[in-house]
Amino acid sequence: MPKKDFLPFSYKRLAKEFPEVEKEYDRLARKCHASGPLNEKARRLIKLGIAIGSESEGAIKSHARRALAIGVTPEEIRHAVLLGLTTIGFPKMIAALNWVHEAFEKGPLKHRGGD
């Protein structure tokens, strides 16, 4: 099954409408991930934290599912969300926690190597 079958609708639409941009975006994401000493688990949790801080529902769900796909446990993901409480506040942390739980219901997002 092609890797794009597991991507969110919005990303698939971007790839269809702007295939060269999507190709370069994916290449840049893979390069960013490979350009430092952090292991994949740390990178996935950091990306989740960035998504939480930016209050992006789609990114939170996507990064939670990607973390699950590489073996990060639901407990570790929930702990990462909880750490946002004293930085972003209770309402935003609870919203992120709700989105993470919705992502858990969908299950892991197949890892595509990039962002």
N, C-alpha and C. Protein backbone atom coordinates (compact mmCIF):
# COMPACT_ATOMS: atom_id res chain seq x y z
N MET A 1 0.84 -1.18 0.00
CA MET A 1 0.00 0.00 0.00
C MET A 1 0.88 1.25 0.00
N PRO A 2 0.65 2.19 -0.87
CA PRO A 2 1.47 3.39 -0.93
C PRO A 2 1.40 4.18 0.38
N LYS A 3 2.51 4.85 0.71
CA LYS A 3 2.58 5.58 1.97
C LYS A 3 1.52 6.65 2.09
N LYS A 4 1.10 7.24 1.03
CA LYS A 4 0.15 8.36 1.08
C LYS A 4 -1.25 7.92 1.50
N ASP A 5 -1.55 6.62 1.49
CA ASP A 5 -2.86 6.15 1.91
C ASP A 5 -3.12 6.42 3.38
N PHE A 6 -2.09 6.66 4.15
CA PHE A 6 -2.24 6.85 5.58
C PHE A 6 -2.17 8.32 5.99
N LEU A 7 -1.99 9.18 5.04
CA LEU A 7 -1.85 10.60 5.36
C LEU A 7 -3.20 11.27 5.53
N PRO A 8 -3.25 12.35 6.33
CA PRO A 8 -4.49 13.11 6.49
C PRO A 8 -4.95 13.70 5.16
N PHE A 9 -6.26 13.92 5.08
CA PHE A 9 -6.88 14.46 3.86
C PHE A 9 -6.20 15.74 3.38
N SER A 10 -5.95 16.66 4.29
CA SER A 10 -5.38 17.96 3.91
C SER A 10 -4.01 17.80 3.26
N TYR A 11 -3.22 16.88 3.81
CA TYR A 11 -1.88 16.66 3.25
C TYR A 11 -1.99 16.01 1.87
N LYS A 12 -2.93 15.08 1.70
CA LYS A 12 -3.14 14.45 0.39
C LYS A 12 -3.54 15.48 -0.64
N ARG A 13 -4.40 16.41 -0.22
CA ARG A 13 -4.84 17.46 -1.15
C ARG A 13 -3.66 18.34 -1.55
N LEU A 14 -2.82 18.72 -0.58
CA LEU A 14 -1.62 19.50 -0.89
C LEU A 14 -0.76 18.75 -1.90
N ALA A 15 -0.55 17.46 -1.67
CA ALA A 15 0.28 16.67 -2.57
C ALA A 15 -0.30 16.61 -3.97
N LYS A 16 -1.61 16.56 -4.07
CA LYS A 16 -2.26 16.51 -5.38
C LYS A 16 -2.18 17.85 -6.09
N GLU A 17 -2.42 18.92 -5.35
CA GLU A 17 -2.45 20.25 -5.96
C GLU A 17 -1.06 20.83 -6.20
N PHE A 18 -0.12 20.49 -5.34
CA PHE A 18 1.24 21.03 -5.42
C PHE A 18 2.26 19.92 -5.20
N PRO A 19 2.36 18.98 -6.12
CA PRO A 19 3.22 17.81 -5.90
C PRO A 19 4.69 18.14 -5.68
N GLU A 20 5.21 19.14 -6.34
CA GLU A 20 6.62 19.49 -6.15
C GLU A 20 6.86 20.12 -4.79
N VAL A 21 5.91 20.92 -4.32
CA VAL A 21 6.04 21.51 -2.99
C VAL A 21 5.99 20.41 -1.93
N GLU A 22 5.05 19.48 -2.07
CA GLU A 22 4.94 18.38 -1.11
C GLU A 22 6.21 17.54 -1.10
N LYS A 23 6.77 17.29 -2.28
CA LYS A 23 8.01 16.51 -2.38
C LYS A 23 9.15 17.21 -1.64
N GLU A 24 9.29 18.50 -1.83
CA GLU A 24 10.36 19.25 -1.16
C GLU A 24 10.10 19.38 0.33
N TYR A 25 8.85 19.54 0.71
CA TYR A 25 8.49 19.61 2.14
C TYR A 25 8.87 18.30 2.83
N ASP A 26 8.52 17.18 2.21
CA ASP A 26 8.84 15.87 2.77
C ASP A 26 10.36 15.67 2.85
N ARG A 27 11.08 16.09 1.83
CA ARG A 27 12.54 15.98 1.83
C ARG A 27 13.14 16.82 2.96
N LEU A 28 12.64 18.04 3.12
CA LEU A 28 13.14 18.91 4.18
C LEU A 28 12.83 18.33 5.55
N ALA A 29 11.64 17.79 5.73
CA ALA A 29 11.27 17.19 7.02
C ALA A 29 12.21 16.04 7.35
N ARG A 30 12.49 15.17 6.39
CA ARG A 30 13.40 14.04 6.63
C ARG A 30 14.80 14.54 6.96
N LYS A 31 15.24 15.59 6.28
CA LYS A 31 16.55 16.17 6.53
C LYS A 31 16.62 16.76 7.95
N CYS A 32 15.58 17.46 8.37
CA CYS A 32 15.54 18.02 9.73
C CYS A 32 15.62 16.91 10.78
N HIS A 33 14.88 15.84 10.57
CA HIS A 33 14.88 14.74 11.52
C HIS A 33 16.26 14.06 11.60
N ALA A 34 16.98 14.02 10.50
CA ALA A 34 18.26 13.32 10.45
C ALA A 34 19.44 14.22 10.81
N SER A 35 19.19 15.49 11.10
CA SER A 35 20.28 16.45 11.27
C SER A 35 20.73 16.68 12.71
N GLY A 36 20.39 15.81 13.60
CA GLY A 36 20.81 16.02 14.98
C GLY A 36 20.89 14.72 15.75
N PRO A 37 21.26 14.82 17.02
CA PRO A 37 21.51 13.62 17.82
C PRO A 37 20.27 13.00 18.48
N LEU A 38 19.11 13.64 18.38
CA LEU A 38 17.94 13.12 19.07
C LEU A 38 17.45 11.83 18.43
N ASN A 39 17.03 10.89 19.26
CA ASN A 39 16.47 9.65 18.72
C ASN A 39 15.03 9.89 18.26
N GLU A 40 14.48 8.91 17.58
CA GLU A 40 13.16 9.08 16.98
C GLU A 40 12.08 9.33 18.03
N LYS A 41 12.15 8.64 19.16
CA LYS A 41 11.14 8.83 20.20
C LYS A 41 11.17 10.28 20.71
N ALA A 42 12.36 10.80 20.98
CA ALA A 42 12.47 12.18 21.46
C ALA A 42 11.94 13.14 20.41
N ARG A 43 12.30 12.91 19.15
CA ARG A 43 11.82 13.79 18.08
C ARG A 43 10.30 13.76 17.98
N ARG A 44 9.69 12.61 18.08
CA ARG A 44 8.23 12.49 18.00
C ARG A 44 7.56 13.22 19.15
N LEU A 45 8.09 13.09 20.37
CA LEU A 45 7.49 13.78 21.51
C LEU A 45 7.69 15.29 21.41
N ILE A 46 8.82 15.71 20.89
CA ILE A 46 9.06 17.15 20.70
C ILE A 46 8.08 17.70 19.67
N LYS A 47 7.91 16.99 18.56
CA LYS A 47 6.96 17.45 17.54
C LYS A 47 5.55 17.53 18.11
N LEU A 48 5.19 16.56 18.96
CA LEU A 48 3.89 16.61 19.63
C LEU A 48 3.80 17.84 20.51
N GLY A 49 4.84 18.13 21.26
CA GLY A 49 4.86 19.30 22.12
C GLY A 49 4.71 20.60 21.34
N ILE A 50 5.37 20.67 20.20
CA ILE A 50 5.24 21.86 19.34
C ILE A 50 3.80 22.00 18.86
N ALA A 51 3.20 20.88 18.47
CA ALA A 51 1.81 20.90 18.01
C ALA A 51 0.88 21.36 19.13
N ILE A 52 1.13 20.87 20.35
CA ILE A 52 0.32 21.27 21.50
C ILE A 52 0.46 22.77 21.74
N GLY A 53 1.69 23.27 21.71
CA GLY A 53 1.92 24.69 21.92
C GLY A 53 1.29 25.57 20.87
N SER A 54 1.17 25.04 19.66
CA SER A 54 0.56 25.84 18.59
C SER A 54 -0.95 25.65 18.53
N GLU A 55 -1.48 24.80 19.41
CA GLU A 55 -2.92 24.56 19.51
C GLU A 55 -3.52 24.06 18.19
N SER A 56 -2.78 23.23 17.49
CA SER A 56 -3.23 22.71 16.20
C SER A 56 -3.83 21.32 16.38
N GLU A 57 -5.14 21.23 16.31
CA GLU A 57 -5.82 19.95 16.51
C GLU A 57 -5.30 18.88 15.54
N GLY A 58 -5.21 19.23 14.26
CA GLY A 58 -4.76 18.26 13.28
C GLY A 58 -3.34 17.78 13.54
N ALA A 59 -2.46 18.71 13.88
CA ALA A 59 -1.07 18.34 14.14
C ALA A 59 -0.95 17.51 15.42
N ILE A 60 -1.72 17.85 16.44
CA ILE A 60 -1.69 17.07 17.68
C ILE A 60 -2.12 15.64 17.40
N LYS A 61 -3.21 15.48 16.68
CA LYS A 61 -3.69 14.13 16.37
C LYS A 61 -2.67 13.38 15.52
N SER A 62 -2.13 14.04 14.52
CA SER A 62 -1.17 13.41 13.62
C SER A 62 0.09 12.98 14.38
N HIS A 63 0.63 13.87 15.18
CA HIS A 63 1.87 13.55 15.89
C HIS A 63 1.65 12.52 17.00
N ALA A 64 0.49 12.53 17.61
CA ALA A 64 0.18 11.49 18.59
C ALA A 64 0.12 10.12 17.90
N ARG A 65 -0.51 10.06 16.76
CA ARG A 65 -0.62 8.79 16.02
C ARG A 65 0.74 8.35 15.48
N ARG A 66 1.56 9.28 15.06
CA ARG A 66 2.91 8.93 14.60
C ARG A 66 3.75 8.42 15.75
N ALA A 67 3.58 9.03 16.92
CA ALA A 67 4.32 8.55 18.10
C ALA A 67 3.89 7.12 18.45
N LEU A 68 2.59 6.86 18.42
CA LEU A 68 2.11 5.50 18.67
C LEU A 68 2.73 4.51 17.69
N ALA A 69 2.86 4.93 16.45
CA ALA A 69 3.36 4.04 15.40
C ALA A 69 4.80 3.60 15.63
N ILE A 70 5.57 4.39 16.38
CA ILE A 70 6.96 3.99 16.63
C ILE A 70 7.14 3.41 18.03
N GLY A 71 6.02 3.17 18.72
CA GLY A 71 6.11 2.51 20.01
C GLY A 71 6.05 3.39 21.24
N VAL A 72 5.82 4.68 21.06
CA VAL A 72 5.62 5.55 22.22
C VAL A 72 4.28 5.14 22.83
N THR A 73 4.25 4.96 24.13
CA THR A 73 3.05 4.47 24.78
C THR A 73 2.03 5.59 24.99
N PRO A 74 0.75 5.22 25.09
CA PRO A 74 -0.26 6.23 25.41
C PRO A 74 0.07 6.97 26.71
N GLU A 75 0.63 6.28 27.69
CA GLU A 75 0.99 6.94 28.96
C GLU A 75 2.05 8.01 28.74
N GLU A 76 3.04 7.72 27.89
CA GLU A 76 4.08 8.70 27.61
C GLU A 76 3.51 9.90 26.86
N ILE A 77 2.61 9.64 25.94
CA ILE A 77 1.98 10.73 25.18
C ILE A 77 1.13 11.59 26.10
N ARG A 78 0.34 10.95 26.96
CA ARG A 78 -0.49 11.73 27.90
C ARG A 78 0.40 12.55 28.84
N HIS A 79 1.54 12.00 29.26
CA HIS A 79 2.45 12.74 30.13
C HIS A 79 2.99 13.97 29.40
N ALA A 80 3.33 13.80 28.10
CA ALA A 80 3.81 14.94 27.32
C ALA A 80 2.75 16.04 27.26
N VAL A 81 1.49 15.65 27.11
CA VAL A 81 0.41 16.63 27.10
C VAL A 81 0.29 17.30 28.46
N LEU A 82 0.32 16.54 29.52
CA LEU A 82 0.19 17.07 30.88
C LEU A 82 1.27 18.11 31.18
N LEU A 83 2.47 17.90 30.64
CA LEU A 83 3.56 18.85 30.87
C LEU A 83 3.23 20.25 30.36
N GLY A 84 2.30 20.35 29.44
CA GLY A 84 1.89 21.65 28.93
C GLY A 84 1.03 22.45 29.88
N LEU A 85 0.50 21.81 30.90
CA LEU A 85 -0.44 22.46 31.83
C LEU A 85 0.08 23.78 32.37
N THR A 86 1.30 23.78 32.89
CA THR A 86 1.81 24.99 33.53
C THR A 86 2.39 26.00 32.54
N THR A 87 2.44 25.62 31.27
CA THR A 87 2.95 26.53 30.25
C THR A 87 1.82 27.13 29.42
N ILE A 88 0.86 26.30 29.01
CA ILE A 88 -0.22 26.80 28.13
C ILE A 88 -1.55 26.95 28.85
N GLY A 89 -1.65 26.44 30.07
CA GLY A 89 -2.88 26.59 30.84
C GLY A 89 -3.80 25.38 30.75
N PHE A 90 -4.70 25.30 31.72
CA PHE A 90 -5.59 24.15 31.85
C PHE A 90 -6.50 23.95 30.63
N PRO A 91 -7.24 24.98 30.17
CA PRO A 91 -8.16 24.74 29.05
C PRO A 91 -7.46 24.23 27.79
N LYS A 92 -6.32 24.80 27.47
CA LYS A 92 -5.60 24.37 26.27
C LYS A 92 -5.01 22.97 26.45
N MET A 93 -4.54 22.66 27.64
CA MET A 93 -4.01 21.33 27.90
C MET A 93 -5.12 20.30 27.81
N ILE A 94 -6.29 20.60 28.36
CA ILE A 94 -7.42 19.67 28.30
C ILE A 94 -7.85 19.45 26.85
N ALA A 95 -7.88 20.53 26.06
CA ALA A 95 -8.23 20.38 24.64
C ALA A 95 -7.23 19.46 23.96
N ALA A 96 -5.94 19.66 24.21
CA ALA A 96 -4.92 18.80 23.62
C ALA A 96 -5.09 17.35 24.08
N LEU A 97 -5.41 17.16 25.34
CA LEU A 97 -5.61 15.81 25.87
C LEU A 97 -6.80 15.14 25.18
N ASN A 98 -7.87 15.89 24.99
CA ASN A 98 -9.03 15.34 24.28
C ASN A 98 -8.67 14.94 22.85
N TRP A 99 -7.89 15.76 22.16
CA TRP A 99 -7.50 15.45 20.79
C TRP A 99 -6.59 14.23 20.74
N VAL A 100 -5.73 14.10 21.75
CA VAL A 100 -4.85 12.92 21.82
C VAL A 100 -5.70 11.67 22.00
N HIS A 101 -6.70 11.74 22.86
CA HIS A 101 -7.57 10.58 23.06
C HIS A 101 -8.33 10.23 21.77
N GLU A 102 -8.74 11.23 21.01
CA GLU A 102 -9.37 10.96 19.72
C GLU A 102 -8.38 10.28 18.78
N ALA A 103 -7.13 10.69 18.82
CA ALA A 103 -6.09 10.07 17.99
C ALA A 103 -5.88 8.61 18.40
N PHE A 104 -5.91 8.34 19.70
CA PHE A 104 -5.75 6.97 20.19
C PHE A 104 -6.85 6.07 19.60
N GLU A 105 -8.05 6.61 19.49
CA GLU A 105 -9.17 5.82 18.95
C GLU A 105 -8.94 5.43 17.49
N LYS A 106 -8.26 6.29 16.74
CA LYS A 106 -7.96 5.98 15.33
C LYS A 106 -6.78 5.04 15.21
N GLY A 107 -5.90 5.05 16.18
CA GLY A 107 -4.73 4.18 16.14
C GLY A 107 -3.53 4.83 15.49
N PRO A 108 -2.42 4.07 15.43
CA PRO A 108 -1.17 4.61 14.89
C PRO A 108 -1.30 5.07 13.45
N LEU A 109 -0.58 6.13 13.15
CA LEU A 109 -0.48 6.62 11.78
C LEU A 109 0.80 6.04 11.22
N LYS A 110 0.72 5.41 10.10
CA LYS A 110 1.88 4.76 9.51
C LYS A 110 2.99 5.78 9.30
N HIS A 111 4.15 5.43 9.77
CA HIS A 111 5.33 6.31 9.71
C HIS A 111 5.78 6.44 8.26
N ARG A 112 6.00 7.67 7.83
CA ARG A 112 6.45 7.87 6.45
C ARG A 112 7.87 8.40 6.39
N GLY A 113 8.52 8.55 7.54
CA GLY A 113 9.92 8.93 7.54
C GLY A 113 10.20 10.41 7.67
N GLY A 114 9.29 11.26 7.27
CA GLY A 114 9.54 12.69 7.32
C GLY A 114 8.96 13.31 8.58
N ASP A 115 8.28 14.42 8.40
CA ASP A 115 7.73 15.18 9.52
C ASP A 115 6.70 14.33 10.22
